[in-house]
Amino acid sequence: MSTFTQILYQIVFSTKHREPTLTQENRPLLFRYFWGILQRKKCRLYRINGVEDHVHILTHIHPSVALADLVKSLKLASSEYIKEQNLFRDFRGWQVGYGAFTYSQKEKEVLIAYVKNQEEHHRLKTFPDELRDLLQEHGIAFDERYLL
């Protein structure tokens, strides 16, 4: 018997202290780099996007990959890449922690559109407000101090 999974993850993490360091002109290079990491780990990327202070990744994670290990790999490798390539002048690293939310396949198209339209979305809502909404929507208890 083979292993069959269909778990759609939205992974969200921010820059250190939520500093707006991910400038628009080099974000596509960062996103391609993330995509390469996901491909090497046999994950399927549906959409990636972000704004100056955080990133959203919509992906299916291969069953052999642990979520925490994947996020750690994404953050460590991309930090090194950003510094080596001098992609974002003021980038100091990624904030500790991340959000990971699961969805049904039925929600995939809506999620793809949501991640695709991050710039427009964040004209109306701050990242802490967005994260608070995601946590509440998924019934995850949290301490407000860690959203700042």
Protein backbone atom coordinates (compact mmCIF):
# COMPACT_ATOMS: atom_id res chain seq x y z
CA MET A 1 0.00 0.00 0.00
CA SER A 2 1.23 3.49 -0.80
CA THR A 3 0.94 6.57 1.37
CA PHE A 4 -1.78 8.99 0.31
CA THR A 5 -2.16 12.48 1.75
CA GLN A 6 -3.86 15.67 0.70
CA ILE A 7 -3.09 18.31 3.30
CA LEU A 8 -3.03 21.87 2.13
CA TYR A 9 -0.90 24.13 4.33
CA GLN A 10 -0.73 27.88 4.48
CA ILE A 11 2.59 28.72 6.15
CA VAL A 12 3.14 32.27 7.32
CA PHE A 13 6.22 33.82 8.89
CA SER A 14 7.60 37.30 9.29
CA THR A 15 10.84 39.19 9.27
CA LYS A 16 12.60 39.79 12.57
CA HIS A 17 10.65 42.38 14.58
CA ARG A 18 8.31 42.56 11.58
CA GLU A 19 10.66 45.05 9.95
CA PRO A 20 9.56 46.02 6.41
CA THR A 21 12.77 44.81 4.75
CA LEU A 22 11.51 42.58 1.92
CA THR A 23 11.57 45.14 -0.87
CA GLN A 24 9.32 44.47 -3.83
CA GLU A 25 12.00 44.32 -6.54
CA ASN A 26 13.81 41.30 -5.04
CA ARG A 27 10.90 39.37 -3.60
CA PRO A 28 10.50 37.24 -6.77
CA LEU A 29 14.10 36.00 -6.33
CA LEU A 30 13.36 35.02 -2.73
CA PHE A 31 10.14 33.30 -3.74
CA ARG A 32 11.93 31.28 -6.45
CA TYR A 33 14.51 30.26 -3.87
CA PHE A 34 11.76 29.05 -1.51
CA TRP A 35 10.22 27.15 -4.43
CA GLY A 36 13.51 25.37 -5.06
CA ILE A 37 13.69 24.25 -1.43
CA LEU A 38 10.11 22.97 -1.58
CA GLN A 39 10.80 21.07 -4.82
CA ARG A 40 13.89 19.39 -3.34
CA LYS A 41 11.75 18.24 -0.41
CA LYS A 42 9.09 16.89 -2.80
CA CYS A 43 6.49 19.43 -1.69
CA ARG A 44 4.00 20.89 -4.13
CA LEU A 45 3.84 24.68 -4.18
CA TYR A 46 0.49 26.19 -5.12
CA ARG A 47 1.28 29.85 -4.44
CA ILE A 48 3.81 32.01 -2.66
CA ASN A 49 3.67 35.72 -2.01
CA GLY A 50 4.26 38.28 0.65
CA VAL A 51 4.81 41.90 1.48
CA GLU A 52 7.57 43.88 3.16
CA ASP A 53 7.32 42.13 6.53
CA HIS A 54 6.06 38.59 5.95
CA VAL A 55 5.60 35.67 3.56
CA HIS A 56 2.73 33.29 2.78
CA ILE A 57 3.40 29.86 1.29
CA LEU A 58 0.52 27.66 0.13
CA THR A 59 1.80 24.11 -0.30
CA HIS A 60 1.20 20.41 0.04
CA ILE A 61 3.93 18.90 2.20
CA HIS A 62 5.32 15.51 1.24
CA PRO A 63 4.48 12.87 3.90
CA SER A 64 8.18 12.29 4.63
CA VAL A 65 8.70 15.94 5.60
CA ALA A 66 7.97 17.29 9.08
CA LEU A 67 6.40 20.74 9.09
CA ALA A 68 8.79 22.20 11.68
CA ASP A 69 11.81 20.87 9.77
CA LEU A 70 10.51 22.35 6.53
CA VAL A 71 9.98 25.80 8.02
CA LYS A 72 13.41 25.65 9.68
CA SER A 73 15.00 24.77 6.32
CA LEU A 74 13.14 27.56 4.54
CA LYS A 75 14.20 30.16 7.09
CA LEU A 76 17.83 29.09 7.52
CA ALA A 77 18.62 28.59 3.84
CA SER A 78 16.83 31.76 2.75
CA SER A 79 18.57 33.87 5.41
CA GLU A 80 21.90 32.69 4.07
CA TYR A 81 20.81 33.27 0.47
CA ILE A 82 19.53 36.78 1.24
CA LYS A 83 22.81 37.73 2.88
CA GLU A 84 25.01 36.13 0.20
CA GLN A 85 23.08 37.80 -2.63
CA ASN A 86 22.50 41.04 -0.70
CA LEU A 87 18.83 40.86 -1.72
CA PHE A 88 17.41 43.00 1.07
CA ARG A 89 19.83 45.54 2.50
CA ASP A 90 18.29 45.84 5.98
CA PHE A 91 17.18 42.20 6.42
CA ARG A 92 18.25 40.88 9.85
CA GLY A 93 16.62 37.49 9.75
CA TRP A 94 13.26 35.83 10.29
CA GLN A 95 11.23 36.15 13.45
CA VAL A 96 11.12 33.11 15.73
CA GLY A 97 8.03 31.02 15.15
CA TYR A 98 5.52 30.71 12.32
CA GLY A 99 1.88 30.04 11.61
CA ALA A 100 0.78 26.93 9.76
CA PHE A 101 -2.86 26.39 8.93
CA THR A 102 -4.48 23.43 7.19
CA TYR A 103 -7.30 23.59 4.68
CA SER A 104 -9.40 21.26 2.61
CA GLN A 105 -8.76 20.89 -1.12
CA LYS A 106 -12.13 22.59 -1.71
CA GLU A 107 -10.62 25.84 -0.39
CA LYS A 108 -7.54 25.74 -2.63
CA GLU A 109 -8.66 28.22 -5.32
CA VAL A 110 -9.83 30.78 -2.75
CA LEU A 111 -6.52 30.43 -0.89
CA ILE A 112 -4.49 30.80 -4.07
CA ALA A 113 -6.32 34.06 -4.81
CA TYR A 114 -5.84 35.22 -1.21
CA VAL A 115 -2.08 34.59 -1.27
CA LYS A 116 -1.76 36.08 -4.76
CA ASN A 117 -3.41 39.33 -3.64
CA GLN A 118 -1.32 40.00 -0.53
CA GLU A 119 -0.31 43.54 -1.52
CA GLU A 120 -3.92 44.57 -2.05
CA HIS A 121 -5.05 42.74 1.09
CA HIS A 122 -2.49 44.56 3.25
CA ARG A 123 -3.62 47.97 2.14
CA LEU A 124 -6.62 47.28 4.37
CA LYS A 125 -5.25 45.03 7.12
CA THR A 126 -2.01 44.89 9.11
CA PHE A 127 -0.08 41.65 9.48
CA PRO A 128 -0.87 41.36 13.24
CA ASP A 129 -4.58 41.77 12.44
CA GLU A 130 -4.34 39.18 9.66
CA LEU A 131 -2.52 36.72 11.93
CA ARG A 132 -5.04 37.29 14.73
CA ASP A 133 -7.87 36.53 12.29
CA LEU A 134 -6.16 33.33 11.08
CA LEU A 135 -5.58 32.14 14.64
CA GLN A 136 -9.18 32.84 15.63
CA GLU A 137 -10.56 31.25 12.45
CA HIS A 138 -8.64 28.06 13.24
CA GLY A 139 -9.49 28.04 16.95
CA ILE A 140 -5.88 28.50 18.08
CA ALA A 141 -5.35 30.04 21.50
CA PHE A 142 -2.70 32.78 21.55
CA ASP A 143 -1.24 35.52 23.70
CA GLU A 144 -1.58 39.02 22.24
CA ARG A 145 1.98 39.87 23.38
CA TYR A 146 3.36 37.54 20.72
CA LEU A 147 1.50 39.21 17.87
CA LEU A 148 3.38 42.50 18.24
